[in-house]
Amino acid sequence: MRNTALTKELQGHLTPKSVLEDLLEGNKRYIANNLTTSDVSSLVEQTTNGQFPKAVILSCIDSRVPVELVFDQTIGDVFVARVAGNFENVDILGSMEYSCAVAGSKLVFVLGHESCGAVKAACDGVELGNITEMLANITPAAKMASEQVDGVADSSNPEFVAKTVENNVKLTIERIREKSKILQEMEDNGEISIVGGVYSLHTGKVTML
């Protein structure tokens, strides 16, 4: 049972590699339906006056992707930023910079997922209110996929959607590095790693890209 929250001292001993390994081991427990139990009351009390998360995870808002559970993490373990289509923007970049440069997190993880509704909408060129501008962040990934897979370039083509999901994660990582000098320098110095993967709705497995 987890009854000890991360402290600044414990966080300081972590490395980007060890944090990634921890998350992936947690995903294995999730797949095996063997999640770690937590003493919630104790963890709440310990984290009331401070937090020292090991990673910041950028995920889609999809209700089928419960980020902390997917990696078997508990209170105080990870920052989670969520937006439909798991892309970066100024607010999320600032949140990531805070997570790593101020709060000490060691890993930035961009988590896409299978059959993403936002990705499908971008593949179909959906236009509706503010959704139109939001999907513009994903469109480059769809355009790239249209040159990489055969068949129709819309959501009726599972291979096209899957490739767009992968491309969207990869392009998001590229843009994080391009748009955040802070995170780029931290990665160059080995203080953090910026990585990505895709979650399977069918199996629960996170596959690294």
Protein backbone atom coordinates (compact mmCIF):
# COMPACT_ATOMS: atom_id res chain seq x y z
CA MET A 1 0.00 0.00 0.00
CA ARG A 2 1.19 3.49 -0.85
CA ASN A 3 1.13 5.60 2.29
CA THR A 4 4.13 7.86 1.67
CA ALA A 5 3.88 10.81 -0.70
CA LEU A 6 6.74 12.02 -2.84
CA THR A 7 8.96 14.52 -1.05
CA LYS A 8 11.48 16.97 -2.45
CA GLU A 9 14.27 14.65 -1.31
CA LEU A 10 12.74 11.59 -2.99
CA GLN A 11 12.02 13.59 -6.14
CA GLY A 12 15.62 14.77 -6.21
CA HIS A 13 16.88 11.19 -6.47
CA LEU A 14 14.73 10.45 -9.51
CA THR A 15 15.98 10.59 -13.10
CA PRO A 16 14.04 10.95 -16.35
CA LYS A 17 14.84 7.32 -17.11
CA SER A 18 13.74 6.01 -13.72
CA VAL A 19 10.48 7.98 -13.89
CA LEU A 20 9.65 6.62 -17.34
CA GLU A 21 10.40 3.09 -16.16
CA ASP A 22 8.15 3.64 -13.14
CA LEU A 23 5.26 4.81 -15.30
CA LEU A 24 5.60 1.88 -17.69
CA GLU A 25 5.79 -0.60 -14.81
CA GLY A 26 2.64 1.00 -13.46
CA ASN A 27 0.98 0.52 -16.83
CA LYS A 28 1.83 -3.18 -16.65
CA ARG A 29 0.08 -3.39 -13.28
CA TYR A 30 -2.91 -1.56 -14.74
CA ILE A 31 -3.16 -4.03 -17.61
CA ALA A 32 -2.93 -6.92 -15.15
CA ASN A 33 -5.70 -5.38 -12.98
CA ASN A 34 -3.22 -5.25 -10.11
CA LEU A 35 -3.25 -1.59 -9.14
CA THR A 36 -1.47 -0.47 -6.00
CA THR A 37 -3.77 0.50 -3.14
CA SER A 38 -3.26 3.87 -1.46
CA ASP A 39 -3.87 5.30 1.99
CA VAL A 40 -5.72 8.29 0.57
CA SER A 41 -6.21 10.07 3.88
CA SER A 42 -2.51 9.88 4.69
CA LEU A 43 -1.47 11.05 1.21
CA VAL A 44 -3.94 13.95 1.31
CA GLU A 45 -2.53 15.05 4.65
CA GLN A 46 1.08 14.75 3.49
CA THR A 47 0.52 16.76 0.32
CA THR A 48 -1.59 19.56 1.76
CA ASN A 49 1.34 21.95 2.11
CA GLY A 50 3.33 20.97 -0.98
CA GLN A 51 3.77 18.66 -3.96
CA PHE A 52 6.73 17.16 -5.76
CA PRO A 53 5.36 15.19 -8.74
CA LYS A 54 7.70 13.07 -10.82
CA ALA A 55 6.18 13.83 -14.25
CA VAL A 56 3.75 15.95 -16.20
CA ILE A 57 1.48 14.07 -18.59
CA LEU A 58 -0.37 15.74 -21.47
CA SER A 59 -3.46 13.69 -22.28
CA CYS A 60 -6.70 13.93 -24.19
CA ILE A 61 -9.85 14.70 -22.18
CA ASP A 62 -11.29 11.30 -23.16
CA SER A 63 -13.06 9.71 -20.18
CA ARG A 64 -11.78 6.28 -21.21
CA VAL A 65 -8.18 7.30 -20.52
CA PRO A 66 -7.92 7.73 -16.72
CA VAL A 67 -4.34 8.95 -16.71
CA GLU A 68 -3.33 8.31 -13.09
CA LEU A 69 -4.87 4.84 -13.18
CA VAL A 70 -3.28 4.01 -16.54
CA PHE A 71 0.17 4.47 -14.97
CA ASP A 72 -0.84 3.29 -11.46
CA GLN A 73 -0.02 6.63 -9.85
CA THR A 74 -1.63 8.24 -6.82
CA ILE A 75 -2.01 11.59 -5.06
CA GLY A 76 1.03 13.80 -5.52
CA ASP A 77 2.71 11.62 -8.15
CA VAL A 78 1.99 13.34 -11.47
CA PHE A 79 0.76 16.57 -12.97
CA VAL A 80 -1.89 16.00 -15.66
CA ALA A 81 -2.80 18.48 -18.40
CA ARG A 82 -5.79 17.54 -20.54
CA VAL A 83 -7.20 18.91 -23.77
CA ALA A 84 -9.12 17.20 -26.56
CA GLY A 85 -6.47 15.87 -28.92
CA ASN A 86 -3.55 16.21 -26.45
CA PHE A 87 -1.81 19.08 -28.23
CA GLU A 88 0.21 21.91 -26.73
CA ASN A 89 -0.76 25.56 -26.45
CA VAL A 90 0.62 28.53 -24.52
CA ASP A 91 -1.22 27.66 -21.33
CA ILE A 92 -0.16 24.03 -21.42
CA LEU A 93 3.43 24.95 -22.25
CA GLY A 94 3.47 27.30 -19.27
CA SER A 95 2.03 24.55 -17.10
CA MET A 96 4.73 22.14 -18.28
CA GLU A 97 7.43 24.72 -17.62
CA TYR A 98 6.08 25.17 -14.11
CA SER A 99 5.95 21.41 -13.59
CA CYS A 100 9.58 20.89 -14.56
CA ALA A 101 11.48 24.14 -13.95
CA VAL A 102 9.69 25.14 -10.75
CA ALA A 103 8.19 21.98 -9.24
CA GLY A 104 11.00 19.61 -10.25
CA SER A 105 9.29 17.03 -12.45
CA LYS A 106 11.66 14.86 -14.47
CA LEU A 107 9.51 13.82 -17.42
CA VAL A 108 7.12 15.30 -19.97
CA PHE A 109 4.88 12.58 -21.41
CA VAL A 110 2.55 13.26 -24.35
CA LEU A 111 -0.13 10.56 -24.29
CA GLY A 112 -2.31 10.00 -27.33
CA HIS A 113 -4.92 7.29 -27.54
CA GLU A 114 -6.57 4.91 -29.97
CA SER A 115 -9.71 6.07 -31.79
CA CYS A 116 -9.41 9.64 -30.51
CA GLY A 117 -12.59 11.59 -31.24
CA ALA A 118 -10.75 14.87 -31.70
CA VAL A 119 -8.36 13.25 -34.14
CA LYS A 120 -11.25 11.71 -36.07
CA ALA A 121 -12.92 15.11 -36.25
CA ALA A 122 -9.70 16.65 -37.58
CA CYS A 123 -9.45 13.85 -40.13
CA ASP A 124 -12.96 14.73 -41.32
CA GLY A 125 -12.39 18.49 -41.36
CA VAL A 126 -15.18 19.16 -38.85
CA GLU A 127 -16.11 22.81 -38.37
CA LEU A 128 -18.21 23.79 -35.34
CA GLY A 129 -17.78 26.82 -33.10
CA ASN A 130 -14.52 26.86 -31.13
CA ILE A 131 -13.96 23.22 -32.08
CA THR A 132 -12.84 24.42 -35.53
CA GLU A 133 -9.88 26.36 -34.16
CA MET A 134 -9.04 23.60 -31.71
CA LEU A 135 -8.88 20.97 -34.47
CA ALA A 136 -6.49 23.16 -36.46
CA ASN A 137 -3.81 22.02 -34.02
CA ILE A 138 -4.32 18.41 -35.14
CA THR A 139 -4.76 19.00 -38.88
CA PRO A 140 -0.99 18.89 -39.64
CA ALA A 141 -0.87 15.34 -38.28
CA ALA A 142 -3.76 14.32 -40.54
CA LYS A 143 -2.13 15.90 -43.58
CA MET A 144 1.06 13.99 -42.85
CA ALA A 145 -0.85 10.73 -42.44
CA SER A 146 -2.59 11.22 -45.79
CA GLU A 147 0.82 10.83 -47.44
CA GLN A 148 1.78 7.79 -45.36
CA VAL A 149 -1.18 5.42 -45.62
CA ASP A 150 -3.36 4.06 -48.41
CA GLY A 151 -7.10 4.44 -48.66
CA VAL A 152 -9.45 7.31 -47.96
CA ALA A 153 -8.15 10.13 -45.77
CA ASP A 154 -11.02 10.36 -43.30
CA SER A 155 -12.23 8.74 -40.08
CA SER A 156 -13.70 5.75 -41.93
CA ASN A 157 -10.13 4.52 -42.47
CA PRO A 158 -8.80 3.05 -39.18
CA GLU A 159 -5.21 2.99 -40.46
CA PHE A 160 -5.41 6.67 -41.35
CA VAL A 161 -6.80 7.56 -37.94
CA ALA A 162 -4.14 5.49 -36.13
CA LYS A 163 -1.33 7.11 -38.10
CA THR A 164 -2.78 10.56 -37.40
CA VAL A 165 -2.87 9.76 -33.67
CA GLU A 166 0.82 8.80 -33.77
CA ASN A 167 1.77 11.81 -35.87
CA ASN A 168 -0.11 14.11 -33.53
CA VAL A 169 1.93 12.89 -30.55
CA LYS A 170 5.20 13.24 -32.44
CA LEU A 171 4.39 16.70 -33.78
CA THR A 172 3.28 17.84 -30.34
CA ILE A 173 6.62 16.76 -28.90
CA GLU A 174 8.44 18.63 -31.66
CA ARG A 175 6.45 21.79 -31.01
CA ILE A 176 7.03 21.57 -27.25
CA ARG A 177 10.76 21.64 -27.94
CA GLU A 178 10.43 24.42 -30.50
CA LYS A 179 8.17 26.67 -28.44
CA SER A 180 9.66 26.19 -24.97
CA LYS A 181 13.28 27.22 -24.62
CA ILE A 182 13.08 26.28 -20.96
CA LEU A 183 12.04 22.68 -21.59
CA GLN A 184 14.41 22.29 -24.54
CA GLU A 185 17.37 23.42 -22.44
CA MET A 186 16.36 21.19 -19.54
CA GLU A 187 16.19 18.21 -21.90
CA ASP A 188 19.53 19.11 -23.49
CA ASN A 189 21.05 19.23 -20.00
CA GLY A 190 19.62 15.81 -19.09
CA GLU A 191 17.34 17.24 -16.39
CA ILE A 192 14.17 16.01 -18.10
CA SER A 193 13.06 13.87 -21.03
CA ILE A 194 10.19 14.64 -23.39
CA VAL A 195 8.56 11.44 -24.64
CA GLY A 196 5.31 10.18 -26.10
CA GLY A 197 3.14 7.14 -26.45
CA VAL A 198 -0.30 5.89 -27.48
CA TYR A 199 -2.85 4.24 -25.20
CA SER A 200 -4.89 1.30 -26.49
CA LEU A 201 -8.56 1.41 -25.54
CA HIS A 202 -8.74 -2.32 -26.22
CA THR A 203 -5.86 -3.52 -24.04
CA GLY A 204 -4.95 -0.61 -21.77
CA LYS A 205 -1.34 -0.82 -22.94
CA VAL A 206 0.71 2.32 -23.54
CA THR A 207 3.03 1.87 -26.53
CA MET A 208 6.00 4.21 -26.70
CA LEU A 209 6.69 6.06 -29.94
